[in-house]
Amino acid sequence: MTTTVATVSEETGTPYVLSHLDALESEAVHIFREVAGEFERPVILFSGGKDSIVMLHLALKAFAPAAIPFSLLHVDTGHNFPEVIDYRDRTVEKHGLRLHVASVQDYIDRGVLKERPDGTRNPLQTVPLTEKIQTEKFDAVFGGGRRDEEKARAKERVFSLRDEFSQWDPRRQRPELWQLYNGRHAPGEHVRVFPLSNWTELDVWQYIAREGIELPEIYFAHEREVFMRAGMWLTAGEWGGPKDGEAVEKRLIRYRTVGDMSCTGAVDSDAVTLDQVIAEIAASRLTERGATRADDKLSEAAMEDRKREGYF
């Protein structure tokens, strides 16, 4: 079902109708402009995943033909898909953007962080992220979280206040009636901003198709060597997979979400076009994170704990 928003033209008296995607785009553009007016040093979290790609596209539209008044920030685990890093770097160069990189490997090399027994580095991103925010004095941090992804994100505000340690306290979150956003914060604190809060995975893909947005090729069906672990197809690599007894096989797969190779599962798929991906998503009854992200399954409250610590 398509949702529309209608207003009446003062000049002609005829209704001007916004489609569902137009309404979502308008809301996101408003949020970007609101942040530009309220904050001094905003930054966009950009991983090269589809949500951050859509977020950057919306930011470019919000300020065109001028350059966007924000830099980008990527927390690099060192276990990223090469195709995604290549896309990230090409995008930064294409638009003349400034990219900050917080490296998990640097923290491991300095002994600040230790490798986990399971090899995944996604839970190790919190310290590099929060320290980068503090050292660069970013006061607003755009994230691509959506409320449909999982329950820790479902109750998040569009403007999410974080303390001087980047931690989230539910008692300090503000109401957001009539799309009025309160960005006030004390020195050392910052606000996480989620312009895609009201979008769904299907909305994101339909918008990508409408706007003709380029994506890394791993979002579409391709042959890849993978192995089964904990019910998910993982990519073999130097991060620690496969282990003894985990057989590697070549399968036709694609990725619904992109993160650390050690915790991002692929799905069997023959969808090679945007229309085929959209049809596949429309028929799915599992969220992308519920189906393909091992880091969300570390415990029942894994993402809630990481939110409190400042991860997103």
Protein backbone atom coordinates (compact mmCIF):
# COMPACT_ATOMS: atom_id res chain seq x y z
CA MET A 1 0.00 0.00 0.00
CA THR A 2 1.32 3.48 -0.89
CA THR A 3 1.00 6.28 1.65
CA THR A 4 0.58 9.86 0.41
CA VAL A 5 0.73 13.26 2.09
CA ALA A 6 -1.40 16.01 0.57
CA THR A 7 -1.30 19.80 0.93
CA VAL A 8 -3.28 22.42 -0.96
CA SER A 9 -1.61 24.97 -3.22
CA GLU A 10 -2.43 28.54 -2.14
CA GLU A 11 -2.23 29.71 -5.76
CA THR A 12 -4.44 27.15 -7.50
CA GLY A 13 -6.31 25.48 -4.66
CA THR A 14 -5.40 22.08 -6.07
CA PRO A 15 -3.87 19.40 -3.85
CA TYR A 16 -0.14 18.77 -4.05
CA VAL A 17 0.47 15.12 -3.19
CA LEU A 18 3.68 13.68 -1.78
CA SER A 19 4.24 9.97 -2.30
CA HIS A 20 5.37 7.77 0.58
CA LEU A 21 9.01 8.01 -0.55
CA ASP A 22 8.74 11.76 -1.12
CA ALA A 23 7.47 12.21 2.44
CA LEU A 24 10.34 10.17 3.87
CA GLU A 25 12.86 12.08 1.76
CA SER A 26 11.38 15.42 2.84
CA GLU A 27 11.59 14.43 6.51
CA ALA A 28 15.24 13.35 6.17
CA VAL A 29 16.21 16.53 4.29
CA HIS A 30 14.55 18.59 7.02
CA ILE A 31 16.58 16.72 9.67
CA PHE A 32 19.88 17.34 7.84
CA ARG A 33 19.13 21.04 7.51
CA GLU A 34 18.02 21.26 11.14
CA VAL A 35 21.33 19.79 12.28
CA ALA A 36 23.30 22.13 10.03
CA GLY A 37 21.54 25.06 11.70
CA GLU A 38 21.88 23.86 15.30
CA PHE A 39 25.31 22.22 15.55
CA GLU A 40 28.90 23.29 14.95
CA ARG A 41 30.71 20.03 14.05
CA PRO A 42 28.38 17.35 12.67
CA VAL A 43 29.72 14.19 11.03
CA ILE A 44 28.10 11.37 9.03
CA LEU A 45 28.91 7.76 9.90
CA PHE A 46 29.71 6.22 6.53
CA SER A 47 30.58 2.55 6.13
CA GLY A 48 29.74 2.02 2.46
CA GLY A 49 26.63 0.06 3.44
CA LYS A 50 23.30 0.81 1.78
CA ASP A 51 21.82 2.84 4.66
CA SER A 52 24.83 5.14 4.94
CA ILE A 53 24.88 5.45 1.14
CA VAL A 54 21.23 6.57 1.12
CA MET A 55 21.97 8.91 4.03
CA LEU A 56 24.83 10.55 2.11
CA HIS A 57 22.64 10.83 -1.00
CA LEU A 58 19.99 12.65 1.05
CA ALA A 59 22.61 14.98 2.55
CA LEU A 60 23.87 15.85 -0.93
CA LYS A 61 20.30 16.64 -2.04
CA ALA A 62 19.65 18.68 1.11
CA PHE A 63 22.42 21.17 0.35
CA ALA A 64 22.77 21.03 -3.45
CA PRO A 65 24.26 22.77 -5.31
CA ALA A 66 26.51 23.62 -2.36
CA ALA A 67 28.84 21.06 -0.79
CA ILE A 68 27.56 19.25 2.28
CA PRO A 69 28.76 20.96 5.49
CA PHE A 70 29.73 17.66 7.14
CA SER A 71 32.68 15.29 6.97
CA LEU A 72 32.41 11.47 7.04
CA LEU A 73 33.53 9.01 9.72
CA HIS A 74 34.16 5.29 9.28
CA VAL A 75 35.07 2.88 12.08
CA ASP A 76 37.29 0.41 10.24
CA THR A 77 37.38 -3.05 11.81
CA GLY A 78 40.06 -4.31 9.44
CA HIS A 79 37.70 -7.14 8.50
CA ASN A 80 35.65 -5.22 5.94
CA PHE A 81 34.60 -6.50 2.53
CA PRO A 82 37.11 -5.19 -0.05
CA GLU A 83 34.28 -4.24 -2.41
CA VAL A 84 32.77 -1.98 0.25
CA ILE A 85 36.05 -0.23 1.10
CA ASP A 86 36.66 0.36 -2.60
CA TYR A 87 33.17 1.87 -2.92
CA ARG A 88 33.79 4.07 0.16
CA ASP A 89 37.02 5.48 -1.23
CA ARG A 90 35.57 6.09 -4.71
CA THR A 91 32.61 7.94 -3.19
CA VAL A 92 34.80 10.17 -1.04
CA GLU A 93 36.93 11.07 -4.07
CA LYS A 94 33.92 11.60 -6.36
CA HIS A 95 32.26 14.15 -4.06
CA GLY A 96 35.44 15.73 -2.66
CA LEU A 97 34.56 14.77 0.91
CA ARG A 98 36.74 14.56 4.01
CA LEU A 99 36.89 11.10 5.57
CA HIS A 100 37.92 10.37 9.16
CA VAL A 101 38.85 6.75 9.88
CA ALA A 102 38.95 5.21 13.37
CA SER A 103 40.87 1.93 13.12
CA VAL A 104 40.13 -1.02 15.40
CA GLN A 105 43.45 -2.56 14.33
CA ASP A 106 45.34 0.45 15.71
CA TYR A 107 43.74 -0.10 19.13
CA ILE A 108 44.60 -3.80 19.04
CA ASP A 109 48.21 -3.03 18.07
CA ARG A 110 48.50 -0.60 21.01
CA GLY A 111 47.05 -3.15 23.43
CA VAL A 112 43.98 -1.08 24.20
CA LEU A 113 41.67 -3.74 22.75
CA LYS A 114 42.01 -7.52 22.51
CA GLU A 115 40.80 -9.85 19.79
CA ARG A 116 37.69 -11.82 20.71
CA PRO A 117 37.81 -15.64 20.69
CA ASP A 118 35.11 -15.73 17.99
CA GLY A 119 37.14 -13.42 15.70
CA THR A 120 34.43 -10.78 15.30
CA ARG A 121 35.47 -7.17 15.70
CA ASN A 122 32.11 -5.42 15.47
CA PRO A 123 31.74 -5.29 19.28
CA LEU A 124 35.21 -3.68 19.43
CA GLN A 125 34.11 -0.61 17.48
CA THR A 126 32.72 1.29 20.47
CA VAL A 127 36.01 2.61 21.93
CA PRO A 128 37.50 3.80 18.60
CA LEU A 129 34.19 5.45 17.71
CA THR A 130 33.64 7.25 21.00
CA GLU A 131 37.25 8.41 21.28
CA LYS A 132 37.19 9.77 17.73
CA ILE A 133 34.03 11.71 18.53
CA GLN A 134 35.70 13.16 21.62
CA THR A 135 39.04 14.04 20.02
CA GLU A 136 37.44 15.65 16.94
CA LYS A 137 34.79 17.36 19.13
CA PHE A 138 31.91 16.22 16.93
CA ASP A 139 28.66 17.48 18.47
CA ALA A 140 26.21 15.70 16.13
CA VAL A 141 26.77 12.26 14.64
CA PHE A 142 24.47 11.01 11.87
CA GLY A 143 23.76 7.27 11.89
CA GLY A 144 21.78 5.11 9.49
CA GLY A 145 19.80 3.20 12.15
CA ARG A 146 16.16 2.42 11.37
CA ARG A 147 13.41 1.51 13.81
CA ASP A 148 12.40 -1.58 11.85
CA GLU A 149 15.83 -3.25 12.23
CA GLU A 150 15.57 -4.59 15.77
CA LYS A 151 14.13 -3.72 19.17
CA ALA A 152 17.01 -1.60 20.53
CA ARG A 153 16.61 0.71 17.54
CA ALA A 154 12.81 0.64 17.62
CA LYS A 155 12.62 2.91 20.68
CA GLU A 156 15.35 5.32 19.60
CA ARG A 157 14.62 9.01 19.05
CA VAL A 158 15.64 10.88 15.90
CA PHE A 159 17.81 13.13 18.13
CA SER A 160 19.42 10.84 20.72
CA LEU A 161 21.35 12.63 23.46
CA ARG A 162 24.66 11.08 24.58
CA ASP A 163 26.68 12.06 27.65
CA GLU A 164 30.38 12.97 27.75
CA PHE A 165 31.22 9.24 27.55
CA SER A 166 28.92 8.78 24.52
CA GLN A 167 26.58 6.68 26.64
CA TRP A 168 22.82 6.55 26.17
CA ASP A 169 20.46 7.13 29.11
CA PRO A 170 16.75 6.55 28.37
CA ARG A 171 15.75 8.98 31.13
CA ARG A 172 17.45 11.88 29.33
CA GLN A 173 15.80 11.45 25.93
CA ARG A 174 13.42 14.19 24.82
CA PRO A 175 9.95 14.03 23.25
CA GLU A 176 9.80 14.87 19.55
CA LEU A 177 6.27 16.13 19.02
CA TRP A 178 5.40 17.67 15.62
CA GLN A 179 8.94 16.97 14.35
CA LEU A 180 10.43 19.50 16.75
CA TYR A 181 13.95 18.36 17.66
CA ASN A 182 15.81 19.54 20.76
CA GLY A 183 19.55 19.53 20.13
CA ARG A 184 20.63 21.24 23.34
CA HIS A 185 23.57 19.54 25.02
CA ALA A 186 26.25 20.33 27.58
CA PRO A 187 29.95 20.73 26.61
CA GLY A 188 31.45 17.29 25.93
CA GLU A 189 28.07 15.74 25.13
CA HIS A 190 26.80 15.11 21.63
CA VAL A 191 23.64 14.04 19.82
CA ARG A 192 23.25 10.98 17.59
CA VAL A 193 20.91 11.78 14.70
CA PHE A 194 18.96 9.16 12.74
CA PRO A 195 17.39 10.62 9.56
CA LEU A 196 16.22 7.17 8.39
CA SER A 197 14.40 6.30 11.63
CA ASN A 198 11.00 5.95 9.97
CA TRP A 199 12.24 4.10 6.89
CA THR A 200 11.99 0.35 6.39
CA GLU A 201 14.38 -1.91 4.51
CA LEU A 202 11.87 -1.98 1.65
CA ASP A 203 11.66 1.83 1.63
CA VAL A 204 15.45 2.02 1.35
CA TRP A 205 15.55 -0.32 -1.65
CA GLN A 206 12.64 1.37 -3.39
CA TYR A 207 14.34 4.74 -2.91
CA ILE A 208 17.63 3.38 -4.26
CA ALA A 209 15.78 2.18 -7.34
CA ARG A 210 13.93 5.46 -7.82
CA GLU A 211 17.05 7.60 -7.42
CA GLY A 212 19.37 5.32 -9.39
CA ILE A 213 21.86 5.11 -6.53
CA GLU A 214 24.97 2.98 -7.12
CA LEU A 215 25.71 0.26 -4.55
CA PRO A 216 28.60 -2.13 -3.89
CA GLU A 217 28.12 -5.26 -5.99
CA ILE A 218 27.89 -7.58 -2.97
CA TYR A 219 24.27 -6.45 -2.47
CA PHE A 220 23.38 -8.39 -5.61
CA ALA A 221 23.59 -12.12 -6.31
CA HIS A 222 27.08 -13.41 -7.09
CA GLU A 223 29.12 -16.56 -6.57
CA ARG A 224 31.29 -16.58 -3.46
CA GLU A 225 33.13 -19.10 -1.30
CA VAL A 226 31.30 -19.34 2.01
CA PHE A 227 30.95 -21.70 4.95
CA MET A 228 28.13 -22.39 7.41
CA ARG A 229 28.43 -21.24 11.04
CA ALA A 230 25.58 -20.84 13.53
CA GLY A 231 23.03 -21.07 10.72
CA MET A 232 24.63 -18.34 8.56
CA TRP A 233 26.78 -18.36 5.43
CA LEU A 234 30.00 -16.50 6.29
CA THR A 235 32.82 -15.44 3.99
CA ALA A 236 36.12 -17.24 4.40
CA GLY A 237 38.99 -14.92 5.32
CA GLU A 238 41.99 -14.18 7.52
CA TRP A 239 39.71 -13.10 10.38
CA GLY A 240 39.44 -16.69 11.61
CA GLY A 241 37.15 -18.66 9.36
CA PRO A 242 36.60 -21.38 8.55
CA LYS A 243 37.57 -23.59 11.47
CA ASP A 244 38.20 -27.32 11.33
CA GLY A 245 35.05 -29.10 10.22
CA GLU A 246 33.54 -26.03 8.52
CA ALA A 247 33.44 -26.90 4.84
CA VAL A 248 33.88 -24.13 2.28
CA GLU A 249 31.61 -24.21 -0.75
CA LYS A 250 30.83 -21.90 -3.63
CA ARG A 251 27.25 -20.63 -3.60
CA LEU A 252 25.11 -18.03 -5.33
CA ILE A 253 24.49 -15.49 -2.57
CA ARG A 254 24.03 -11.82 -1.81
CA TYR A 255 24.20 -9.64 1.31
CA ARG A 256 21.21 -7.85 2.80
CA THR A 257 23.34 -5.87 5.24
CA VAL A 258 27.07 -5.21 5.33
CA GLY A 259 29.36 -5.13 8.35
CA ASP A 260 32.40 -7.00 9.59
CA MET A 261 33.04 -10.12 7.45
CA SER A 262 33.20 -12.20 10.63
CA CYS A 263 29.61 -11.50 11.66
CA THR A 264 27.73 -10.67 8.45
CA GLY A 265 25.90 -13.59 6.92
CA ALA A 266 24.93 -13.96 3.28
CA VAL A 267 21.59 -15.21 2.00
CA ASP A 268 20.99 -17.61 -0.88
CA SER A 269 19.68 -15.47 -3.70
CA ASP A 270 19.49 -15.16 -7.48
CA ALA A 271 18.45 -11.48 -7.36
CA VAL A 272 20.75 -9.59 -9.71
CA THR A 273 18.61 -6.51 -10.38
CA LEU A 274 17.01 -3.90 -8.14
CA ASP A 275 13.51 -5.10 -9.04
CA GLN A 276 14.44 -8.66 -8.09
CA VAL A 277 15.94 -7.54 -4.76
CA ILE A 278 12.82 -5.48 -3.97
CA ALA A 279 10.57 -8.47 -4.70
CA GLU A 280 12.75 -10.66 -2.48
CA ILE A 281 12.65 -8.15 0.41
CA ALA A 282 8.88 -7.70 0.08
CA ALA A 283 8.39 -11.46 0.50
CA SER A 284 10.77 -11.81 3.46
CA ARG A 285 9.44 -12.24 7.00
CA LEU A 286 12.82 -11.77 8.73
CA THR A 287 14.54 -8.44 9.27
CA GLU A 288 17.96 -8.06 7.66
CA ARG A 289 19.76 -7.96 11.01
CA GLY A 290 17.72 -10.78 12.49
CA ALA A 291 18.56 -12.99 9.54
CA THR A 292 22.18 -12.14 8.86
CA ARG A 293 23.99 -10.45 11.77
CA ALA A 294 25.77 -12.66 14.30
CA ASP A 295 26.74 -9.68 16.50
CA ASP A 296 23.04 -9.09 17.25
CA LYS A 297 22.75 -12.68 18.51
CA LEU A 298 25.55 -12.60 21.09
CA SER A 299 22.85 -12.17 23.75
CA GLU A 300 19.17 -11.26 23.98
CA ALA A 301 20.16 -7.67 24.82
CA ALA A 302 23.33 -7.43 22.72
CA MET A 303 22.38 -4.28 20.80
CA GLU A 304 20.73 -2.66 23.81
CA ASP A 305 23.98 -3.06 25.75
CA ARG A 306 26.04 -1.63 22.89
CA LYS A 307 23.69 1.33 22.58
CA ARG A 308 24.14 2.17 26.25
CA GLU A 309 27.92 1.96 25.80
CA GLY A 310 27.84 4.37 22.86
CA TYR A 311 28.14 2.09 19.82
CA PHE A 312 25.13 3.58 17.99
